[in-house]
Amino acid sequence: FLIMVIFSIVATDLNEYGFLGLFFGTILIPPFALIGSLFIFSGISPDSMDYLGASESEIVFLALLIPYLHFL
């Protein structure tokens, strides 16, 4: 699990999709869910809001909800 999390952190830093890559990595890779949701929560910026077209409160809600969904 530790190797998978480290690989996921490096992959999200090197990808060209930015916030969208981080979001999908957090959803699709269960060991990366907690770290990814913390990155999403700390990385909210006006640029990502313009790109996604969603309000900031919805993104914060998703960032906090993803680890609970992986738990179920």
PDB file of N, CA and C in Angstrom:
ATOM      1  N   PHE A   1       0.818  -1.196   0.000  1.00  0.00           N
ATOM      2  CA  PHE A   1       0.000   0.000   0.000  1.00  0.00           C
ATOM      3  C   PHE A   1       0.862   1.260   0.000  1.00  0.00           C
ATOM      4  N   LEU A   2       1.956   1.217   0.738  1.00  0.00           N
ATOM      5  CA  LEU A   2       2.831   2.387   0.802  1.00  0.00           C
ATOM      6  C   LEU A   2       3.455   2.682  -0.558  1.00  0.00           C
ATOM      7  N   ILE A   3       3.888   1.647  -1.259  1.00  0.00           N
ATOM      8  CA  ILE A   3       4.467   1.847  -2.584  1.00  0.00           C
ATOM      9  C   ILE A   3       3.426   2.394  -3.552  1.00  0.00           C
ATOM     10  N   MET A   4       2.204   1.911  -3.454  1.00  0.00           N
ATOM     11  CA  MET A   4       1.129   2.405  -4.325  1.00  0.00           C
ATOM     12  C   MET A   4       0.807   3.870  -4.046  1.00  0.00           C
ATOM     13  N   VAL A   5       0.815   4.254  -2.779  1.00  0.00           N
ATOM     14  CA  VAL A   5       0.548   5.650  -2.425  1.00  0.00           C
ATOM     15  C   VAL A   5       1.673   6.547  -2.906  1.00  0.00           C
ATOM     16  N   ILE A   6       2.908   6.115  -2.721  1.00  0.00           N
ATOM     17  CA  ILE A   6       4.043   6.922  -3.192  1.00  0.00           C
ATOM     18  C   ILE A   6       4.013   7.054  -4.707  1.00  0.00           C
ATOM     19  N   PHE A   7       3.731   5.955  -5.416  1.00  0.00           N
ATOM     20  CA  PHE A   7       3.620   6.014  -6.868  1.00  0.00           C
ATOM     21  C   PHE A   7       2.497   6.949  -7.304  1.00  0.00           C
ATOM     22  N   SER A   8       1.384   6.927  -6.581  1.00  0.00           N
ATOM     23  CA  SER A   8       0.250   7.798  -6.921  1.00  0.00           C
ATOM     24  C   SER A   8       0.582   9.258  -6.696  1.00  0.00           C
ATOM     25  N   ILE A   9       1.307   9.567  -5.631  1.00  0.00           N
ATOM     26  CA  ILE A   9       1.709  10.956  -5.375  1.00  0.00           C
ATOM     27  C   ILE A   9       2.619  11.454  -6.487  1.00  0.00           C
ATOM     28  N   VAL A  10       3.582  10.637  -6.879  1.00  0.00           N
ATOM     29  CA  VAL A  10       4.500  11.028  -7.958  1.00  0.00           C
ATOM     30  C   VAL A  10       3.742  11.171  -9.271  1.00  0.00           C
ATOM     31  N   ALA A  11       2.818  10.258  -9.544  1.00  0.00           N
ATOM     32  CA  ALA A  11       2.056  10.318 -10.795  1.00  0.00           C
ATOM     33  C   ALA A  11       1.172  11.555 -10.858  1.00  0.00           C
ATOM     34  N   THR A  12       0.562  11.941  -9.747  1.00  0.00           N
ATOM     35  CA  THR A  12      -0.285  13.140  -9.769  1.00  0.00           C
ATOM     36  C   THR A  12       0.543  14.405  -9.873  1.00  0.00           C
ATOM     37  N   ASP A  13       1.775  14.380  -9.375  1.00  0.00           N
ATOM     38  CA  ASP A  13       2.646  15.551  -9.530  1.00  0.00           C
ATOM     39  C   ASP A  13       3.136  15.695 -10.963  1.00  0.00           C
ATOM     40  N   LEU A  14       3.317  14.572 -11.657  1.00  0.00           N
ATOM     41  CA  LEU A  14       3.884  14.608 -13.004  1.00  0.00           C
ATOM     42  C   LEU A  14       2.839  14.654 -14.117  1.00  0.00           C
ATOM     43  N   ASN A  15       1.566  14.455 -13.792  1.00  0.00           N
ATOM     44  CA  ASN A  15       0.571  14.408 -14.866  1.00  0.00           C
ATOM     45  C   ASN A  15       0.273  15.794 -15.410  1.00  0.00           C
ATOM     46  N   GLU A  16      -0.297  15.836 -16.589  1.00  0.00           N
ATOM     47  CA  GLU A  16      -0.575  17.108 -17.251  1.00  0.00           C
ATOM     48  C   GLU A  16      -2.023  17.548 -17.083  1.00  0.00           C
ATOM     49  N   TYR A  17      -2.814  16.770 -16.362  1.00  0.00           N
ATOM     50  CA  TYR A  17      -4.229  17.099 -16.205  1.00  0.00           C
ATOM     51  C   TYR A  17      -4.525  17.905 -14.956  1.00  0.00           C
ATOM     52  N   GLY A  18      -3.573  18.036 -14.057  1.00  0.00           N
ATOM     53  CA  GLY A  18      -3.731  18.863 -12.875  1.00  0.00           C
ATOM     54  C   GLY A  18      -4.787  18.350 -11.921  1.00  0.00           C
ATOM     55  N   PHE A  19      -5.750  19.209 -11.638  1.00  0.00           N
ATOM     56  CA  PHE A  19      -6.768  18.894 -10.639  1.00  0.00           C
ATOM     57  C   PHE A  19      -7.634  17.713 -11.052  1.00  0.00           C
ATOM     58  N   LEU A  20      -7.938  17.608 -12.319  1.00  0.00           N
ATOM     59  CA  LEU A  20      -8.786  16.518 -12.795  1.00  0.00           C
ATOM     60  C   LEU A  20      -8.099  15.165 -12.617  1.00  0.00           C
ATOM     61  N   GLY A  21      -6.806  15.095 -12.882  1.00  0.00           N
ATOM     62  CA  GLY A  21      -6.050  13.865 -12.666  1.00  0.00           C
ATOM     63  C   GLY A  21      -5.988  13.480 -11.201  1.00  0.00           C
ATOM     64  N   LEU A  22      -5.828  14.476 -10.342  1.00  0.00           N
ATOM     65  CA  LEU A  22      -5.821  14.223  -8.906  1.00  0.00           C
ATOM     66  C   LEU A  22      -7.176  13.714  -8.436  1.00  0.00           C
ATOM     67  N   PHE A  23      -8.233  14.296  -8.959  1.00  0.00           N
ATOM     68  CA  PHE A  23      -9.585  13.899  -8.573  1.00  0.00           C
ATOM     69  C   PHE A  23      -9.884  12.454  -8.985  1.00  0.00           C
ATOM     70  N   PHE A  24      -9.572  12.091 -10.222  1.00  0.00           N
ATOM     71  CA  PHE A  24      -9.831  10.729 -10.672  1.00  0.00           C
ATOM     72  C   PHE A  24      -8.901   9.716 -10.000  1.00  0.00           C
ATOM     73  N   GLY A  25      -7.667  10.110  -9.726  1.00  0.00           N
ATOM     74  CA  GLY A  25      -6.767   9.221  -8.995  1.00  0.00           C
ATOM     75  C   GLY A  25      -7.270   8.935  -7.592  1.00  0.00           C
ATOM     76  N   THR A  26      -7.846   9.941  -6.970  1.00  0.00           N
ATOM     77  CA  THR A  26      -8.394   9.766  -5.632  1.00  0.00           C
ATOM     78  C   THR A  26      -9.604   8.845  -5.645  1.00  0.00           C
ATOM     79  N   ILE A  27     -10.419   8.960  -6.671  1.00  0.00           N
ATOM     80  CA  ILE A  27     -11.600   8.105  -6.753  1.00  0.00           C
ATOM     81  C   ILE A  27     -11.227   6.665  -7.105  1.00  0.00           C
ATOM     82  N   LEU A  28     -10.284   6.469  -8.020  1.00  0.00           N
ATOM     83  CA  LEU A  28     -10.013   5.140  -8.561  1.00  0.00           C
ATOM     84  C   LEU A  28      -8.981   4.325  -7.787  1.00  0.00           C
ATOM     85  N   ILE A  29      -8.144   4.954  -6.973  1.00  0.00           N
ATOM     86  CA  ILE A  29      -7.092   4.235  -6.257  1.00  0.00           C
ATOM     87  C   ILE A  29      -7.393   4.304  -4.758  1.00  0.00           C
ATOM     88  N   PRO A  30      -7.944   3.232  -4.176  1.00  0.00           N
ATOM     89  CA  PRO A  30      -8.359   3.278  -2.763  1.00  0.00           C
ATOM     90  C   PRO A  30      -7.251   3.634  -1.762  1.00  0.00           C
ATOM     91  N   PRO A  31      -6.007   3.125  -1.883  1.00  0.00           N
ATOM     92  CA  PRO A  31      -5.004   3.528  -0.888  1.00  0.00           C
ATOM     93  C   PRO A  31      -4.646   5.017  -0.959  1.00  0.00           C
ATOM     94  N   PHE A  32      -4.926   5.646  -2.082  1.00  0.00           N
ATOM     95  CA  PHE A  32      -4.582   7.047  -2.282  1.00  0.00           C
ATOM     96  C   PHE A  32      -5.727   7.979  -1.871  1.00  0.00           C
ATOM     97  N   ALA A  33      -6.847   7.422  -1.394  1.00  0.00           N
ATOM     98  CA  ALA A  33      -8.046   8.228  -1.134  1.00  0.00           C
ATOM     99  C   ALA A  33      -7.817   9.292  -0.069  1.00  0.00           C
ATOM    100  N   LEU A  34      -7.176   8.950   1.032  1.00  0.00           N
ATOM    101  CA  LEU A  34      -6.997   9.924   2.105  1.00  0.00           C
ATOM    102  C   LEU A  34      -6.025  11.026   1.703  1.00  0.00           C
ATOM    103  N   ILE A  35      -4.874  10.641   1.148  1.00  0.00           N
ATOM    104  CA  ILE A  35      -3.893  11.644   0.722  1.00  0.00           C
ATOM    105  C   ILE A  35      -4.458  12.489  -0.411  1.00  0.00           C
ATOM    106  N   GLY A  36      -5.127  11.861  -1.358  1.00  0.00           N
ATOM    107  CA  GLY A  36      -5.698  12.599  -2.480  1.00  0.00           C
ATOM    108  C   GLY A  36      -6.773  13.575  -2.052  1.00  0.00           C
ATOM    109  N   SER A  37      -7.614  13.158  -1.101  1.00  0.00           N
ATOM    110  CA  SER A  37      -8.650  14.080  -0.636  1.00  0.00           C
ATOM    111  C   SER A  37      -8.036  15.247   0.128  1.00  0.00           C
ATOM    112  N   LEU A  38      -6.949  15.006   0.840  1.00  0.00           N
ATOM    113  CA  LEU A  38      -6.254  16.117   1.501  1.00  0.00           C
ATOM    114  C   LEU A  38      -5.624  17.054   0.480  1.00  0.00           C
ATOM    115  N   PHE A  39      -5.062  16.504  -0.599  1.00  0.00           N
ATOM    116  CA  PHE A  39      -4.520  17.346  -1.676  1.00  0.00           C
ATOM    117  C   PHE A  39      -5.620  18.166  -2.326  1.00  0.00           C
ATOM    118  N   ILE A  40      -6.775  17.557  -2.565  1.00  0.00           N
ATOM    119  CA  ILE A  40      -7.898  18.292  -3.162  1.00  0.00           C
ATOM    120  C   ILE A  40      -8.354  19.395  -2.224  1.00  0.00           C
ATOM    121  N   PHE A  41      -8.475  19.061  -0.950  1.00  0.00           N
ATOM    122  CA  PHE A  41      -8.943  20.037   0.032  1.00  0.00           C
ATOM    123  C   PHE A  41      -7.976  21.209   0.155  1.00  0.00           C
ATOM    124  N   SER A  42      -6.676  20.934   0.109  1.00  0.00           N
ATOM    125  CA  SER A  42      -5.692  22.014   0.250  1.00  0.00           C
ATOM    126  C   SER A  42      -5.388  22.713  -1.068  1.00  0.00           C
ATOM    127  N   GLY A  43      -5.724  22.079  -2.195  1.00  0.00           N
ATOM    128  CA  GLY A  43      -5.373  22.649  -3.486  1.00  0.00           C
ATOM    129  C   GLY A  43      -6.486  23.373  -4.202  1.00  0.00           C
ATOM    130  N   ILE A  44      -7.547  23.716  -3.494  1.00  0.00           N
ATOM    131  CA  ILE A  44      -8.659  24.419  -4.137  1.00  0.00           C
ATOM    132  C   ILE A  44      -8.207  25.828  -4.502  1.00  0.00           C
ATOM    133  N   SER A  45      -8.343  26.138  -5.779  1.00  0.00           N
ATOM    134  CA  SER A  45      -7.929  27.451  -6.266  1.00  0.00           C
ATOM    135  C   SER A  45      -8.972  27.966  -7.247  1.00  0.00           C
ATOM    136  N   PRO A  46      -8.980  29.262  -7.509  1.00  0.00           N
ATOM    137  CA  PRO A  46      -9.937  29.795  -8.494  1.00  0.00           C
ATOM    138  C   PRO A  46      -9.754  29.217  -9.893  1.00  0.00           C
ATOM    139  N   ASP A  47      -8.535  28.833 -10.253  1.00  0.00           N
ATOM    140  CA  ASP A  47      -8.295  28.253 -11.574  1.00  0.00           C
ATOM    141  C   ASP A  47      -9.031  26.925 -11.739  1.00  0.00           C
ATOM    142  N   SER A  48      -8.972  26.076 -10.719  1.00  0.00           N
ATOM    143  CA  SER A  48      -9.641  24.789 -10.825  1.00  0.00           C
ATOM    144  C   SER A  48     -11.154  24.952 -10.818  1.00  0.00           C
ATOM    145  N   MET A  49     -11.664  25.958 -10.146  1.00  0.00           N
ATOM    146  CA  MET A  49     -13.109  26.186 -10.137  1.00  0.00           C
ATOM    147  C   MET A  49     -13.595  26.617 -11.525  1.00  0.00           C
ATOM    148  N   ASP A  50     -12.806  27.437 -12.214  1.00  0.00           N
ATOM    149  CA  ASP A  50     -13.183  27.842 -13.567  1.00  0.00           C
ATOM    150  C   ASP A  50     -13.153  26.652 -14.518  1.00  0.00           C
ATOM    151  N   TYR A  51     -12.182  25.757 -14.323  1.00  0.00           N
ATOM    152  CA  TYR A  51     -12.037  24.611 -15.213  1.00  0.00           C
ATOM    153  C   TYR A  51     -13.172  23.616 -15.013  1.00  0.00           C
ATOM    154  N   LEU A  52     -13.530  23.361 -13.747  1.00  0.00           N
ATOM    155  CA  LEU A  52     -14.548  22.362 -13.466  1.00  0.00           C
ATOM    156  C   LEU A  52     -15.957  22.912 -13.610  1.00  0.00           C
ATOM    157  N   GLY A  53     -16.127  24.204 -13.440  1.00  0.00           N
ATOM    158  CA  GLY A  53     -17.444  24.801 -13.546  1.00  0.00           C
ATOM    159  C   GLY A  53     -18.345  24.484 -12.376  1.00  0.00           C
ATOM    160  N   ALA A  54     -17.774  24.157 -11.223  1.00  0.00           N
ATOM    161  CA  ALA A  54     -18.570  23.828 -10.044  1.00  0.00           C
ATOM    162  C   ALA A  54     -18.257  24.829  -8.940  1.00  0.00           C
ATOM    163  N   SER A  55     -19.128  24.874  -7.972  1.00  0.00           N
ATOM    164  CA  SER A  55     -18.882  25.782  -6.856  1.00  0.00           C
ATOM    165  C   SER A  55     -17.865  25.166  -5.906  1.00  0.00           C
ATOM    166  N   GLU A  56     -17.253  26.001  -5.123  1.00  0.00           N
ATOM    167  CA  GLU A  56     -16.199  25.547  -4.219  1.00  0.00           C
ATOM    168  C   GLU A  56     -16.756  24.625  -3.133  1.00  0.00           C
ATOM    169  N   SER A  57     -17.963  24.862  -2.678  1.00  0.00           N
ATOM    170  CA  SER A  57     -18.526  24.027  -1.612  1.00  0.00           C
ATOM    171  C   SER A  57     -18.767  22.599  -2.089  1.00  0.00           C
ATOM    172  N   GLU A  58     -19.125  22.402  -3.357  1.00  0.00           N
ATOM    173  CA  GLU A  58     -19.317  21.046  -3.888  1.00  0.00           C
ATOM    174  C   GLU A  58     -17.998  20.287  -3.938  1.00  0.00           C
ATOM    175  N   ILE A  59     -16.924  20.966  -4.304  1.00  0.00           N
ATOM    176  CA  ILE A  59     -15.611  20.316  -4.368  1.00  0.00           C
ATOM    177  C   ILE A  59     -15.136  19.941  -2.971  1.00  0.00           C
ATOM    178  N   VAL A  60     -15.337  20.817  -2.001  1.00  0.00           N
ATOM    179  CA  VAL A  60     -14.964  20.507  -0.623  1.00  0.00           C
ATOM    180  C   VAL A  60     -15.781  19.325  -0.117  1.00  0.00           C
ATOM    181  N   PHE A  61     -17.065  19.303  -0.436  1.00  0.00           N
ATOM    182  CA  PHE A  61     -17.921  18.187  -0.031  1.00  0.00           C
ATOM    183  C   PHE A  61     -17.429  16.872  -0.636  1.00  0.00           C
ATOM    184  N   LEU A  62     -17.073  16.875  -1.913  1.00  0.00           N
ATOM    185  CA  LEU A  62     -16.563  15.654  -2.546  1.00  0.00           C
ATOM    186  C   LEU A  62     -15.236  15.229  -1.947  1.00  0.00           C
ATOM    187  N   ALA A  63     -14.367  16.191  -1.650  1.00  0.00           N
ATOM    188  CA  ALA A  63     -13.065  15.855  -1.074  1.00  0.00           C
ATOM    189  C   ALA A  63     -13.218  15.203   0.293  1.00  0.00           C
ATOM    190  N   LEU A  64     -14.213  15.597   1.038  1.00  0.00           N
ATOM    191  CA  LEU A  64     -14.441  14.995   2.347  1.00  0.00           C
ATOM    192  C   LEU A  64     -15.266  13.718   2.276  1.00  0.00           C
ATOM    193  N   LEU A  65     -16.005  13.521   1.195  1.00  0.00           N
ATOM    194  CA  LEU A  65     -16.871  12.352   1.059  1.00  0.00           C
ATOM    195  C   LEU A  65     -16.146  11.133   0.478  1.00  0.00           C
ATOM    196  N   ILE A  66     -15.138  11.344  -0.329  1.00  0.00           N
ATOM    197  CA  ILE A  66     -14.453  10.244  -1.021  1.00  0.00           C
ATOM    198  C   ILE A  66     -13.891   9.192  -0.062  1.00  0.00           C
ATOM    199  N   PRO A  67     -13.187   9.556   1.033  1.00  0.00           N
ATOM    200  CA  PRO A  67     -12.701   8.489   1.935  1.00  0.00           C
ATOM    201  C   PRO A  67     -13.823   7.669   2.562  1.00  0.00           C
ATOM    202  N   TYR A  68     -14.957   8.290   2.845  1.00  0.00           N
ATOM    203  CA  TYR A  68     -16.079   7.540   3.413  1.00  0.00           C
ATOM    204  C   TYR A  68     -16.677   6.576   2.399  1.00  0.00           C
ATOM    205  N   LEU A  69     -16.714   6.974   1.133  1.00  0.00           N
ATOM    206  CA  LEU A  69     -17.224   6.068   0.101  1.00  0.00           C
ATOM    207  C   LEU A  69     -16.302   4.866  -0.079  1.00  0.00           C
ATOM    208  N   HIS A  70     -14.994   5.079   0.024  1.00  0.00           N
ATOM    209  CA  HIS A  70     -14.059   3.958  -0.078  1.00  0.00           C
ATOM    210  C   HIS A  70     -14.192   3.035   1.121  1.00  0.00           C
ATOM    211  N   PHE A  71     -14.537   3.581   2.263  1.00  0.00           N
ATOM    212  CA  PHE A  71     -14.724   2.761   3.458  1.00  0.00           C
ATOM    213  C   PHE A  71     -15.901   1.800   3.274  1.00  0.00           C
ATOM    214  N   LEU A  72     -16.971   2.283   2.681  1.00  0.00           N
ATOM    215  CA  LEU A  72     -18.147   1.427   2.467  1.00  0.00           C
ATOM    216  C   LEU A  72     -17.857   0.378   1.415  1.00  0.00           C
TER     217      LEU A  72
END
